[in-house]
Amino acid sequence: MERIELHNVLPTVFAGREDNNSEVWLRQVTLERGKYYLITAESGTGKSSLCSYLYGFRTDYSGTITFDGTDIRPLGVADWCRLRSRHIAYLPQELRLFAELTAMENVELGNRLTSHKTRQQILSLFEQLGIADKADSPVARLSIGQQQRVAIIRTLCQPCDFILLDEPVSHLDAANNRIVANLVMAEARSMGAGIISTSVGNNVLIDVDKEFKL
């Protein structure tokens, strides 16, 4: 997938807000593979909704979203399974980890389907993010910052054309923010992937090609 385009998209709940100052809603927006984008937002302006639209979880919007010119609204389950397994890696704000599984088991769930990373490569990511000693710990016993790093590792173990990140460093300090940014950019470069990251304040320190205000 080379291109994501938004054509006059607006969340249904925002209907009637045609005078908005957003650079995304009700605009023509093109996101290209290989480029890095930051979407900054205030709370309640729809950044998580936007991510859900791009990942096919929700369709409660007007306008059109296309992948390489194809409208995504009519896509079926099989289409989305293919897109999610090979074309879009997604880190949701709520993380969606399985609390009863270990950190490693959470990561391996998806990686077993794609074999994108070896176990040694996954362990290296745990090491670089300072949670190597937590790999075999149940997620329920980890702090929220540790859980966020586990979810980031899971996302980096997904082959893709676009890495979609919803507030990826909201629970991380500056040092871990920089580590995450370097890891995400390295993974994107290795695949020629684009990065789309949202933030309400603590921005991931990627080298952005374009910033949008939501």
Protein backbone atom coordinates (compact mmCIF):
# COMPACT_ATOMS: atom_id res chain seq x y z
CA MET A 1 0.00 0.00 0.00
CA GLU A 2 1.49 3.30 -1.11
CA ARG A 3 -1.06 5.96 -0.25
CA ILE A 4 -3.84 6.74 2.23
CA GLU A 5 -6.19 9.58 1.33
CA LEU A 6 -8.93 11.31 3.30
CA HIS A 7 -11.58 13.11 1.26
CA ASN A 8 -13.72 15.51 3.35
CA VAL A 9 -13.84 13.05 6.27
CA LEU A 10 -15.68 14.10 9.42
CA PRO A 11 -16.76 11.99 12.42
CA THR A 12 -20.53 11.68 12.51
CA VAL A 13 -20.58 13.09 16.03
CA PHE A 14 -19.02 16.32 14.69
CA ALA A 15 -21.71 16.86 12.04
CA GLY A 16 -22.50 20.55 11.73
CA ARG A 17 -18.99 21.70 12.61
CA GLU A 18 -18.15 22.78 9.08
CA ASP A 19 -16.38 25.90 10.43
CA ASN A 20 -13.72 23.81 12.20
CA ASN A 21 -10.02 24.79 12.08
CA SER A 22 -8.78 21.24 11.63
CA GLU A 23 -6.16 20.48 8.99
CA VAL A 24 -7.57 16.94 8.69
CA TRP A 25 -11.36 16.97 9.06
CA LEU A 26 -13.20 18.15 5.95
CA ARG A 27 -9.92 18.45 4.07
CA GLN A 28 -8.12 16.58 1.31
CA VAL A 29 -5.26 14.79 3.07
CA THR A 30 -2.71 12.44 1.50
CA LEU A 31 -0.42 10.22 3.57
CA GLU A 32 2.37 8.54 1.61
CA ARG A 33 4.32 5.41 2.37
CA GLY A 34 7.86 6.20 3.51
CA LYS A 35 6.98 9.58 5.01
CA TYR A 36 6.50 10.42 8.69
CA TYR A 37 3.47 12.32 9.96
CA LEU A 38 2.50 13.77 13.32
CA ILE A 39 -1.14 14.60 14.04
CA THR A 40 -1.42 16.86 17.07
CA ALA A 41 -4.74 17.28 18.78
CA GLU A 42 -6.56 18.54 21.82
CA SER A 43 -8.61 16.07 23.82
CA GLY A 44 -11.98 15.39 22.24
CA THR A 45 -11.03 16.35 18.70
CA GLY A 46 -11.17 12.77 17.36
CA LYS A 47 -7.60 11.49 17.12
CA SER A 48 -8.45 7.99 18.38
CA SER A 49 -11.50 8.01 16.11
CA LEU A 50 -9.24 8.77 13.17
CA CYS A 51 -7.00 5.82 14.04
CA SER A 52 -10.03 3.56 14.36
CA TYR A 53 -11.23 4.65 10.92
CA LEU A 54 -7.83 3.94 9.34
CA TYR A 55 -7.70 0.51 10.99
CA GLY A 56 -11.24 -0.40 10.00
CA PHE A 57 -12.67 -0.61 13.51
CA ARG A 58 -15.25 2.12 12.90
CA THR A 59 -17.11 3.65 9.98
CA ASP A 60 -19.10 6.39 11.71
CA TYR A 61 -17.82 9.19 9.51
CA SER A 62 -18.90 11.14 6.44
CA GLY A 63 -16.62 11.54 3.46
CA THR A 64 -14.31 8.91 2.02
CA ILE A 65 -11.06 7.21 3.07
CA THR A 66 -9.14 5.40 0.34
CA PHE A 67 -6.16 3.06 0.30
CA ASP A 68 -4.41 3.34 -3.09
CA GLY A 69 -7.62 4.77 -4.51
CA THR A 70 -9.94 2.09 -3.09
CA ASP A 71 -12.74 3.18 -0.75
CA ILE A 72 -12.22 1.28 2.52
CA ARG A 73 -15.80 1.52 3.78
CA PRO A 74 -17.13 -1.53 1.84
CA LEU A 75 -14.15 -3.75 2.72
CA GLY A 76 -15.02 -7.08 4.32
CA VAL A 77 -13.49 -9.12 7.13
CA ALA A 78 -11.07 -10.97 4.86
CA ASP A 79 -9.86 -7.68 3.38
CA TRP A 80 -9.20 -6.20 6.80
CA CYS A 81 -7.45 -9.35 8.02
CA ARG A 82 -5.07 -9.05 5.08
CA LEU A 83 -4.50 -5.34 5.62
CA ARG A 84 -3.89 -5.75 9.35
CA SER A 85 -1.51 -8.67 8.95
CA ARG A 86 0.68 -7.17 6.23
CA HIS A 87 0.02 -3.50 5.61
CA ILE A 88 -0.88 -1.59 8.80
CA ALA A 89 0.78 -1.97 12.21
CA TYR A 90 -1.31 -0.30 14.93
CA LEU A 91 -0.58 0.79 18.47
CA PRO A 92 -3.92 1.83 20.06
CA GLN A 93 -3.96 4.28 22.93
CA GLU A 94 -5.64 1.71 25.19
CA LEU A 95 -2.88 -0.83 24.32
CA ARG A 96 -5.22 -3.87 24.19
CA LEU A 97 -2.85 -6.28 25.89
CA PHE A 98 -3.98 -9.56 27.45
CA ALA A 99 -3.42 -9.04 31.17
CA GLU A 100 -3.23 -12.74 32.02
CA LEU A 101 -0.50 -13.44 29.44
CA THR A 102 3.17 -12.60 29.86
CA ALA A 103 4.73 -9.68 28.04
CA MET A 104 6.48 -12.06 25.64
CA GLU A 105 3.29 -14.05 25.01
CA ASN A 106 1.48 -10.83 24.09
CA VAL A 107 4.15 -10.01 21.54
CA GLU A 108 4.37 -13.53 20.15
CA LEU A 109 0.62 -13.81 19.53
CA GLY A 110 0.87 -11.68 16.42
CA ASN A 111 4.42 -12.53 15.49
CA ARG A 112 3.56 -16.23 15.16
CA LEU A 113 1.22 -15.34 12.28
CA THR A 114 3.84 -13.42 10.32
CA SER A 115 7.24 -14.65 11.63
CA HIS A 116 8.41 -11.07 11.12
CA LYS A 117 10.91 -11.19 14.00
CA THR A 118 13.00 -13.94 15.52
CA ARG A 119 12.80 -14.55 19.24
CA GLN A 120 16.29 -13.10 19.60
CA GLN A 121 15.23 -9.92 17.80
CA ILE A 122 12.22 -9.62 20.11
CA LEU A 123 14.40 -10.10 23.18
CA SER A 124 16.71 -7.39 21.85
CA LEU A 125 13.76 -4.98 21.71
CA PHE A 126 12.88 -5.82 25.31
CA GLU A 127 16.51 -5.14 26.24
CA GLN A 128 16.69 -1.82 24.41
CA LEU A 129 13.49 -0.64 26.08
CA GLY A 130 14.73 -1.61 29.54
CA ILE A 131 12.20 -4.35 30.26
CA ALA A 132 14.18 -7.50 29.51
CA ASP A 133 13.51 -8.68 33.07
CA LYS A 134 9.75 -8.34 32.46
CA ALA A 135 9.50 -10.55 29.36
CA ASP A 136 8.13 -13.51 31.31
CA SER A 137 6.00 -11.46 33.72
CA PRO A 138 2.21 -11.31 33.38
CA VAL A 139 1.19 -7.96 31.91
CA ALA A 140 -1.16 -7.39 34.85
CA ARG A 141 1.90 -7.02 37.09
CA LEU A 142 3.57 -4.36 34.95
CA SER A 143 3.30 -0.61 35.35
CA ILE A 144 1.42 1.33 32.67
CA GLY A 145 4.72 2.61 31.28
CA GLN A 146 6.07 -0.93 31.04
CA GLN A 147 2.84 -2.07 29.40
CA GLN A 148 3.15 0.71 26.83
CA ARG A 149 6.65 -0.49 25.95
CA VAL A 150 5.36 -4.05 25.53
CA ALA A 151 2.65 -2.78 23.18
CA ILE A 152 5.26 -0.83 21.21
CA ILE A 153 7.36 -3.99 20.81
CA ARG A 154 4.27 -5.87 19.62
CA THR A 155 3.68 -3.16 17.01
CA LEU A 156 7.30 -3.34 15.81
CA CYS A 157 6.87 -7.07 15.22
CA GLN A 158 4.29 -6.43 12.52
CA PRO A 159 5.22 -6.19 8.82
CA CYS A 160 3.56 -3.15 7.30
CA ASP A 161 3.49 -0.24 4.89
CA PHE A 162 2.26 2.18 7.57
CA ILE A 163 2.93 2.25 11.32
CA LEU A 164 -0.10 3.83 13.03
CA LEU A 165 0.58 5.08 16.57
CA ASP A 166 -2.03 6.61 18.88
CA GLU A 167 -0.23 8.52 21.65
CA PRO A 168 2.68 6.05 21.67
CA VAL A 169 4.75 7.69 24.43
CA SER A 170 2.07 9.15 26.69
CA HIS A 171 3.40 7.19 29.70
CA LEU A 172 7.13 7.38 28.92
CA ASP A 173 9.91 9.69 30.07
CA ALA A 174 12.15 11.63 27.70
CA ALA A 175 14.86 8.96 27.57
CA ASN A 176 12.44 6.18 26.64
CA ASN A 177 10.69 8.51 24.21
CA ARG A 178 13.95 8.90 22.28
CA ILE A 179 14.59 5.15 22.34
CA VAL A 180 11.09 4.45 21.03
CA ALA A 181 11.46 7.08 18.30
CA ASN A 182 14.75 5.58 17.13
CA LEU A 183 13.34 2.05 17.13
CA VAL A 184 10.19 3.06 15.25
CA MET A 185 12.13 5.02 12.64
CA ALA A 186 14.62 2.17 12.18
CA GLU A 187 11.78 -0.31 11.67
CA ALA A 188 10.03 2.05 9.25
CA ARG A 189 13.24 2.51 7.24
CA SER A 190 13.81 -1.23 7.03
CA MET A 191 10.40 -1.71 5.41
CA GLY A 192 10.10 1.59 3.57
CA ALA A 193 7.03 2.23 5.73
CA GLY A 194 5.31 5.46 6.64
CA ILE A 195 4.61 6.55 10.21
CA ILE A 196 1.37 8.20 11.34
CA SER A 197 1.52 9.23 14.99
CA THR A 198 -1.03 11.15 17.06
CA SER A 199 -0.42 13.15 20.22
CA VAL A 200 -2.16 15.46 22.65
CA GLY A 201 1.08 16.63 24.25
CA ASN A 202 3.98 14.20 24.70
CA ASN A 203 5.03 13.83 21.05
CA VAL A 204 7.13 10.87 19.96
CA LEU A 205 10.44 12.31 18.76
CA ILE A 206 10.33 11.10 15.18
CA ASP A 207 11.75 13.20 12.34
CA VAL A 208 8.44 14.44 10.97
CA ASP A 209 7.95 15.23 7.27
CA LYS A 210 4.60 16.91 7.92
CA GLU A 211 2.54 17.86 10.96
CA PHE A 212 -1.22 18.23 10.94
CA LYS A 213 -3.37 19.89 13.57
CA LEU A 214 -6.54 17.88 14.10
